[in-house]
Amino acid sequence: MQIKRGFTLVEMAIVLVIIGLILGAAFKGKDLIDSAKVKNMAAQVNKMQTAFNAYFDKYGAYPGDGCPGTGTAPALGNGVSNCVAGTRNGLLNDATEASDALILLQNTNMLTAADLNSVFGVPWQISVAGAASGNYAANTNYMEPGTGAVDLRFVCALDRLLDDGIPSSGVMRSSATAGAVTATGTSYDATSDCWQGATQVTMGVRILP
């Protein structure tokens, strides 16, 4: 008669170890992907800031500054002839100027369309300068995701990488409040674990002085 034989404790232990290794590799892989996303965002921010400064050095004005508020974006060239020097003030004061800025940077090959795709799956856009709004400083322009609120974990990690890790100060600002990261809150600071967050906040990185 054939004897039915089950798994031994040693075999079960080996299987559990293998499962643990697979799960550990999967979680580690996710950590690496998240870290790569943050570094990619930082590279995009640096490229955007470099493009604005390079355009200014070459043409004597920031892209979009002084462009007519007609809703018609400059189609060709550097855009200087499309924009009125007398209305330039070193800021992008309306939606047309902010939109034209990104078009001009692409027209002059300082940015590509791919450079404007954020890791959040939406294009980067430029905020309109004006009075202080939330944690945004007054009279400057910010680079921000086009959808508004995004994953707090990445905002927190990017703030630490680029700036001081505080939502209301420095070149990077967000709608979060200063405090420890929790699964249900909208706070972060320079010391607690960014990856404990699970909510969404708005964010922007200062582009113009």
C-alpha atoms as a PDB file:
ATOM      1  CA  MET A   1       0.000   0.000   0.000  1.00  0.00           C
ATOM      2  CA  GLN A   2       1.304   3.443  -0.948  1.00  0.00           C
ATOM      3  CA  ILE A   3       1.924   5.746   1.988  1.00  0.00           C
ATOM      4  CA  LYS A   4       0.804   9.366   1.533  1.00  0.00           C
ATOM      5  CA  ARG A   5       3.475  11.762   2.625  1.00  0.00           C
ATOM      6  CA  GLY A   6       2.945  15.442   3.474  1.00  0.00           C
ATOM      7  CA  PHE A   7       5.374  18.328   3.803  1.00  0.00           C
ATOM      8  CA  THR A   8       7.965  18.122   6.544  1.00  0.00           C
ATOM      9  CA  LEU A   9       8.624  21.076   8.837  1.00  0.00           C
ATOM     10  CA  VAL A  10      11.911  21.695   7.057  1.00  0.00           C
ATOM     11  CA  GLU A  11      10.193  21.851   3.678  1.00  0.00           C
ATOM     12  CA  MET A  12       7.537  24.201   5.046  1.00  0.00           C
ATOM     13  CA  ALA A  13      10.255  26.420   6.503  1.00  0.00           C
ATOM     14  CA  ILE A  14      12.047  26.560   3.151  1.00  0.00           C
ATOM     15  CA  VAL A  15       8.814  27.545   1.374  1.00  0.00           C
ATOM     16  CA  LEU A  16       8.129  30.296   3.918  1.00  0.00           C
ATOM     17  CA  VAL A  17      11.670  31.636   3.539  1.00  0.00           C
ATOM     18  CA  ILE A  18      11.280  31.748  -0.241  1.00  0.00           C
ATOM     19  CA  ILE A  19       7.939  33.558   0.060  1.00  0.00           C
ATOM     20  CA  GLY A  20       9.528  36.037   2.469  1.00  0.00           C
ATOM     21  CA  LEU A  21      12.372  36.717   0.058  1.00  0.00           C
ATOM     22  CA  ILE A  22       9.947  37.301  -2.811  1.00  0.00           C
ATOM     23  CA  LEU A  23       7.820  39.703  -0.758  1.00  0.00           C
ATOM     24  CA  GLY A  24      10.918  41.507   0.502  1.00  0.00           C
ATOM     25  CA  ALA A  25      12.183  41.977  -3.043  1.00  0.00           C
ATOM     26  CA  ALA A  26       8.781  43.294  -4.139  1.00  0.00           C
ATOM     27  CA  PHE A  27       8.641  45.872  -1.333  1.00  0.00           C
ATOM     28  CA  LYS A  28      12.243  46.891  -1.961  1.00  0.00           C
ATOM     29  CA  GLY A  29      11.460  47.300  -5.634  1.00  0.00           C
ATOM     30  CA  LYS A  30       8.569  49.634  -4.800  1.00  0.00           C
ATOM     31  CA  ASP A  31      10.840  51.696  -2.561  1.00  0.00           C
ATOM     32  CA  LEU A  32      13.334  52.042  -5.408  1.00  0.00           C
ATOM     33  CA  ILE A  33      10.584  53.115  -7.814  1.00  0.00           C
ATOM     34  CA  ASP A  34       9.276  55.741  -5.372  1.00  0.00           C
ATOM     35  CA  SER A  35      12.800  57.068  -4.793  1.00  0.00           C
ATOM     36  CA  ALA A  36      13.369  57.271  -8.545  1.00  0.00           C
ATOM     37  CA  LYS A  37      10.149  59.282  -8.960  1.00  0.00           C
ATOM     38  CA  VAL A  38      11.307  61.845  -6.402  1.00  0.00           C
ATOM     39  CA  LYS A  39      14.712  62.179  -8.067  1.00  0.00           C
ATOM     40  CA  ASN A  40      13.001  62.532 -11.444  1.00  0.00           C
ATOM     41  CA  MET A  41      10.862  65.387 -10.101  1.00  0.00           C
ATOM     42  CA  ALA A  42      13.932  67.112  -8.690  1.00  0.00           C
ATOM     43  CA  ALA A  43      15.662  66.832 -12.073  1.00  0.00           C
ATOM     44  CA  GLN A  44      12.601  68.313 -13.805  1.00  0.00           C
ATOM     45  CA  VAL A  45      12.497  71.236 -11.382  1.00  0.00           C
ATOM     46  CA  ASN A  46      16.198  71.940 -11.893  1.00  0.00           C
ATOM     47  CA  LYS A  47      15.756  71.775 -15.664  1.00  0.00           C
ATOM     48  CA  MET A  48      12.802  74.180 -15.553  1.00  0.00           C
ATOM     49  CA  GLN A  49      14.720  76.683 -13.421  1.00  0.00           C
ATOM     50  CA  THR A  50      17.747  76.389 -15.712  1.00  0.00           C
ATOM     51  CA  ALA A  51      15.555  76.946 -18.788  1.00  0.00           C
ATOM     52  CA  PHE A  52      13.979  80.116 -17.342  1.00  0.00           C
ATOM     53  CA  ASN A  53      17.400  81.531 -16.457  1.00  0.00           C
ATOM     54  CA  ALA A  54      18.936  80.569 -19.805  1.00  0.00           C
ATOM     55  CA  TYR A  55      16.058  82.227 -21.662  1.00  0.00           C
ATOM     56  CA  PHE A  56      16.516  85.386 -19.602  1.00  0.00           C
ATOM     57  CA  ASP A  57      20.266  85.442 -20.286  1.00  0.00           C
ATOM     58  CA  LYS A  58      19.687  85.027 -24.015  1.00  0.00           C
ATOM     59  CA  TYR A  59      16.696  87.322 -24.592  1.00  0.00           C
ATOM     60  CA  GLY A  60      16.792  89.765 -21.684  1.00  0.00           C
ATOM     61  CA  ALA A  61      13.347  88.833 -20.347  1.00  0.00           C
ATOM     62  CA  TYR A  62      11.662  85.821 -18.804  1.00  0.00           C
ATOM     63  CA  PRO A  63       9.593  83.712 -21.219  1.00  0.00           C
ATOM     64  CA  GLY A  64       5.984  84.859 -21.308  1.00  0.00           C
ATOM     65  CA  ASP A  65       6.650  88.119 -19.463  1.00  0.00           C
ATOM     66  CA  GLY A  66       4.789  90.881 -21.313  1.00  0.00           C
ATOM     67  CA  CYS A  67       3.021  88.558 -23.747  1.00  0.00           C
ATOM     68  CA  PRO A  68      -0.368  89.944 -24.876  1.00  0.00           C
ATOM     69  CA  GLY A  69      -3.392  88.784 -22.953  1.00  0.00           C
ATOM     70  CA  THR A  70      -5.245  87.779 -26.108  1.00  0.00           C
ATOM     71  CA  GLY A  71      -5.157  84.041 -25.552  1.00  0.00           C
ATOM     72  CA  THR A  72      -2.978  83.614 -28.653  1.00  0.00           C
ATOM     73  CA  ALA A  73       0.334  82.022 -27.777  1.00  0.00           C
ATOM     74  CA  PRO A  74       3.476  82.942 -29.728  1.00  0.00           C
ATOM     75  CA  ALA A  75       3.828  80.331 -32.435  1.00  0.00           C
ATOM     76  CA  LEU A  76       7.356  80.837 -33.707  1.00  0.00           C
ATOM     77  CA  GLY A  77      10.758  82.064 -32.653  1.00  0.00           C
ATOM     78  CA  ASN A  78      11.725  83.260 -29.213  1.00  0.00           C
ATOM     79  CA  GLY A  79       8.520  85.193 -28.622  1.00  0.00           C
ATOM     80  CA  VAL A  80      10.234  88.495 -27.849  1.00  0.00           C
ATOM     81  CA  SER A  81       8.606  90.154 -30.867  1.00  0.00           C
ATOM     82  CA  ASN A  82       5.218  88.850 -29.727  1.00  0.00           C
ATOM     83  CA  CYS A  83       5.545  90.336 -26.259  1.00  0.00           C
ATOM     84  CA  VAL A  84       5.501  94.004 -25.293  1.00  0.00           C
ATOM     85  CA  ALA A  85       8.648  95.210 -23.560  1.00  0.00           C
ATOM     86  CA  GLY A  86       6.799  98.034 -21.828  1.00  0.00           C
ATOM     87  CA  THR A  87       4.593  95.608 -19.942  1.00  0.00           C
ATOM     88  CA  ARG A  88       7.386  93.393 -18.641  1.00  0.00           C
ATOM     89  CA  ASN A  89       7.852  93.383 -14.886  1.00  0.00           C
ATOM     90  CA  GLY A  90       9.817  90.187 -14.227  1.00  0.00           C
ATOM     91  CA  LEU A  91       6.687  88.187 -13.369  1.00  0.00           C
ATOM     92  CA  LEU A  92       4.023  86.154 -15.139  1.00  0.00           C
ATOM     93  CA  ASN A  93       0.920  88.056 -14.103  1.00  0.00           C
ATOM     94  CA  ASP A  94      -1.880  86.200 -15.876  1.00  0.00           C
ATOM     95  CA  ALA A  95      -2.756  82.817 -17.322  1.00  0.00           C
ATOM     96  CA  THR A  96      -1.682  83.844 -20.830  1.00  0.00           C
ATOM     97  CA  GLU A  97       1.805  84.837 -19.722  1.00  0.00           C
ATOM     98  CA  ALA A  98       2.156  81.647 -17.674  1.00  0.00           C
ATOM     99  CA  SER A  99       0.994  79.454 -20.560  1.00  0.00           C
ATOM    100  CA  ASP A 100       3.113  81.285 -23.145  1.00  0.00           C
ATOM    101  CA  ALA A 101       6.203  80.829 -20.973  1.00  0.00           C
ATOM    102  CA  LEU A 102       6.160  77.062 -21.421  1.00  0.00           C
ATOM    103  CA  ILE A 103       5.400  77.341 -25.140  1.00  0.00           C
ATOM    104  CA  LEU A 104       8.326  79.705 -25.662  1.00  0.00           C
ATOM    105  CA  LEU A 105      10.709  77.440 -23.772  1.00  0.00           C
ATOM    106  CA  GLN A 106       9.723  74.605 -26.106  1.00  0.00           C
ATOM    107  CA  ASN A 107       9.931  76.823 -29.211  1.00  0.00           C
ATOM    108  CA  THR A 108      13.509  77.710 -28.297  1.00  0.00           C
ATOM    109  CA  ASN A 109      14.410  74.064 -27.556  1.00  0.00           C
ATOM    110  CA  MET A 110      15.152  74.797 -23.917  1.00  0.00           C
ATOM    111  CA  LEU A 111      12.461  72.324 -22.864  1.00  0.00           C
ATOM    112  CA  THR A 112      10.667  69.457 -24.573  1.00  0.00           C
ATOM    113  CA  ALA A 113       7.096  68.289 -24.148  1.00  0.00           C
ATOM    114  CA  ALA A 114       8.436  65.320 -22.176  1.00  0.00           C
ATOM    115  CA  ASP A 115      10.054  67.695 -19.666  1.00  0.00           C
ATOM    116  CA  LEU A 116       6.579  68.942 -18.732  1.00  0.00           C
ATOM    117  CA  ASN A 117       5.180  65.510 -17.840  1.00  0.00           C
ATOM    118  CA  SER A 118       5.201  65.046 -14.072  1.00  0.00           C
ATOM    119  CA  VAL A 119       5.347  61.709 -12.251  1.00  0.00           C
ATOM    120  CA  PHE A 120       1.770  62.417 -11.156  1.00  0.00           C
ATOM    121  CA  GLY A 121       0.584  61.773 -14.715  1.00  0.00           C
ATOM    122  CA  VAL A 122      -0.311  65.403 -15.446  1.00  0.00           C
ATOM    123  CA  PRO A 123       1.719  68.227 -17.028  1.00  0.00           C
ATOM    124  CA  TRP A 124       3.569  70.793 -14.964  1.00  0.00           C
ATOM    125  CA  GLN A 125       2.172  74.314 -15.170  1.00  0.00           C
ATOM    126  CA  ILE A 126       3.223  77.755 -13.934  1.00  0.00           C
ATOM    127  CA  SER A 127       1.172  79.581 -11.327  1.00  0.00           C
ATOM    128  CA  VAL A 128       0.078  83.187 -11.830  1.00  0.00           C
ATOM    129  CA  ALA A 129       1.914  85.770  -9.717  1.00  0.00           C
ATOM    130  CA  GLY A 130      -0.147  87.782  -7.283  1.00  0.00           C
ATOM    131  CA  ALA A 131      -0.887  88.219  -3.611  1.00  0.00           C
ATOM    132  CA  ALA A 132       0.218  85.559  -1.147  1.00  0.00           C
ATOM    133  CA  SER A 133      -2.067  82.529  -1.378  1.00  0.00           C
ATOM    134  CA  GLY A 134      -1.962  79.813   1.260  1.00  0.00           C
ATOM    135  CA  ASN A 135       1.709  79.041   1.825  1.00  0.00           C
ATOM    136  CA  TYR A 136       2.722  80.582  -1.518  1.00  0.00           C
ATOM    137  CA  ALA A 137       4.738  83.795  -1.249  1.00  0.00           C
ATOM    138  CA  ALA A 138       3.469  86.947  -2.959  1.00  0.00           C
ATOM    139  CA  ASN A 139       4.763  88.294  -6.272  1.00  0.00           C
ATOM    140  CA  THR A 140       6.506  85.256  -7.684  1.00  0.00           C
ATOM    141  CA  ASN A 141       5.695  82.227  -9.848  1.00  0.00           C
ATOM    142  CA  TYR A 142       5.659  78.542  -8.947  1.00  0.00           C
ATOM    143  CA  MET A 143       5.957  75.337 -10.960  1.00  0.00           C
ATOM    144  CA  GLU A 144       3.051  73.077  -9.939  1.00  0.00           C
ATOM    145  CA  PRO A 145       1.188  69.939 -11.098  1.00  0.00           C
ATOM    146  CA  GLY A 146      -1.792  70.749 -13.287  1.00  0.00           C
ATOM    147  CA  THR A 147      -4.367  68.755 -11.294  1.00  0.00           C
ATOM    148  CA  GLY A 148      -3.958  70.470  -7.953  1.00  0.00           C
ATOM    149  CA  ALA A 149      -3.713  68.021  -5.046  1.00  0.00           C
ATOM    150  CA  VAL A 150      -1.133  65.226  -5.315  1.00  0.00           C
ATOM    151  CA  ASP A 151       0.356  62.491  -3.117  1.00  0.00           C
ATOM    152  CA  LEU A 152       1.725  63.967   0.134  1.00  0.00           C
ATOM    153  CA  ARG A 153       4.459  61.313   0.332  1.00  0.00           C
ATOM    154  CA  PHE A 154       6.168  62.575  -2.810  1.00  0.00           C
ATOM    155  CA  VAL A 155       5.635  66.234  -1.880  1.00  0.00           C
ATOM    156  CA  CYS A 156       7.267  65.666   1.509  1.00  0.00           C
ATOM    157  CA  ALA A 157      10.212  63.757   0.015  1.00  0.00           C
ATOM    158  CA  LEU A 158      10.752  66.358  -2.720  1.00  0.00           C
ATOM    159  CA  ASP A 159      10.630  69.224  -0.206  1.00  0.00           C
ATOM    160  CA  ARG A 160      13.408  67.555   1.777  1.00  0.00           C
ATOM    161  CA  LEU A 161      15.485  66.877  -1.327  1.00  0.00           C
ATOM    162  CA  LEU A 162      15.182  70.373  -2.806  1.00  0.00           C
ATOM    163  CA  ASP A 163      14.574  72.544   0.212  1.00  0.00           C
ATOM    164  CA  ASP A 164      14.081  72.529   3.990  1.00  0.00           C
ATOM    165  CA  GLY A 165      11.263  70.001   4.416  1.00  0.00           C
ATOM    166  CA  ILE A 166       8.916  72.668   5.812  1.00  0.00           C
ATOM    167  CA  PRO A 167       5.652  73.318   3.892  1.00  0.00           C
ATOM    168  CA  SER A 168       5.472  77.069   4.531  1.00  0.00           C
ATOM    169  CA  SER A 169       9.052  78.203   3.908  1.00  0.00           C
ATOM    170  CA  GLY A 170      11.816  78.064   1.336  1.00  0.00           C
ATOM    171  CA  VAL A 171      11.603  77.686  -2.435  1.00  0.00           C
ATOM    172  CA  MET A 172       9.144  74.793  -2.229  1.00  0.00           C
ATOM    173  CA  ARG A 173       5.749  75.348  -0.633  1.00  0.00           C
ATOM    174  CA  SER A 174       2.650  73.192  -0.173  1.00  0.00           C
ATOM    175  CA  SER A 175      -0.782  73.319   1.419  1.00  0.00           C
ATOM    176  CA  ALA A 176       0.382  70.943   4.162  1.00  0.00           C
ATOM    177  CA  THR A 177       0.967  72.108   7.715  1.00  0.00           C
ATOM    178  CA  ALA A 178       4.174  71.572   9.645  1.00  0.00           C
ATOM    179  CA  GLY A 179       4.040  68.453  11.789  1.00  0.00           C
ATOM    180  CA  ALA A 180       4.644  64.728  11.905  1.00  0.00           C
ATOM    181  CA  VAL A 181       3.457  62.625   8.974  1.00  0.00           C
ATOM    182  CA  THR A 182       0.439  60.404   9.702  1.00  0.00           C
ATOM    183  CA  ALA A 183      -1.732  58.161   7.564  1.00  0.00           C
ATOM    184  CA  THR A 184      -4.736  60.491   7.801  1.00  0.00           C
ATOM    185  CA  GLY A 185      -3.217  63.948   8.287  1.00  0.00           C
ATOM    186  CA  THR A 186      -1.968  66.599   5.859  1.00  0.00           C
ATOM    187  CA  SER A 187       1.238  67.486   7.697  1.00  0.00           C
ATOM    188  CA  TYR A 188       4.926  66.831   7.196  1.00  0.00           C
ATOM    189  CA  ASP A 189       8.206  68.081   8.581  1.00  0.00           C
ATOM    190  CA  ALA A 190      11.930  67.647   8.101  1.00  0.00           C
ATOM    191  CA  THR A 191      12.318  64.585  10.320  1.00  0.00           C
ATOM    192  CA  SER A 192       9.326  62.212  10.280  1.00  0.00           C
ATOM    193  CA  ASP A 193       8.850  59.421   7.726  1.00  0.00           C
ATOM    194  CA  CYS A 194       7.357  60.871   4.524  1.00  0.00           C
ATOM    195  CA  TRP A 195       6.210  57.442   3.372  1.00  0.00           C
ATOM    196  CA  GLN A 196       3.718  57.082   6.231  1.00  0.00           C
ATOM    197  CA  GLY A 197       1.432  59.618   4.535  1.00  0.00           C
ATOM    198  CA  ALA A 198      -1.671  58.670   2.565  1.00  0.00           C
ATOM    199  CA  THR A 199      -3.425  61.970   1.810  1.00  0.00           C
ATOM    200  CA  GLN A 200      -3.074  64.648  -0.864  1.00  0.00           C
ATOM    201  CA  VAL A 201      -1.886  68.265  -0.822  1.00  0.00           C
ATOM    202  CA  THR A 202      -1.149  70.987  -3.369  1.00  0.00           C
ATOM    203  CA  MET A 203       2.451  72.022  -4.027  1.00  0.00           C
ATOM    204  CA  GLY A 204       4.652  74.409  -5.967  1.00  0.00           C
ATOM    205  CA  VAL A 205       8.354  75.090  -6.467  1.00  0.00           C
ATOM    206  CA  ARG A 206       9.438  78.693  -6.927  1.00  0.00           C
ATOM    207  CA  ILE A 207      10.679  79.394 -10.457  1.00  0.00           C
ATOM    208  CA  LEU A 208      11.153  83.169 -10.618  1.00  0.00           C
ATOM    209  CA  PRO A 209      13.030  85.309  -8.069  1.00  0.00           C
END
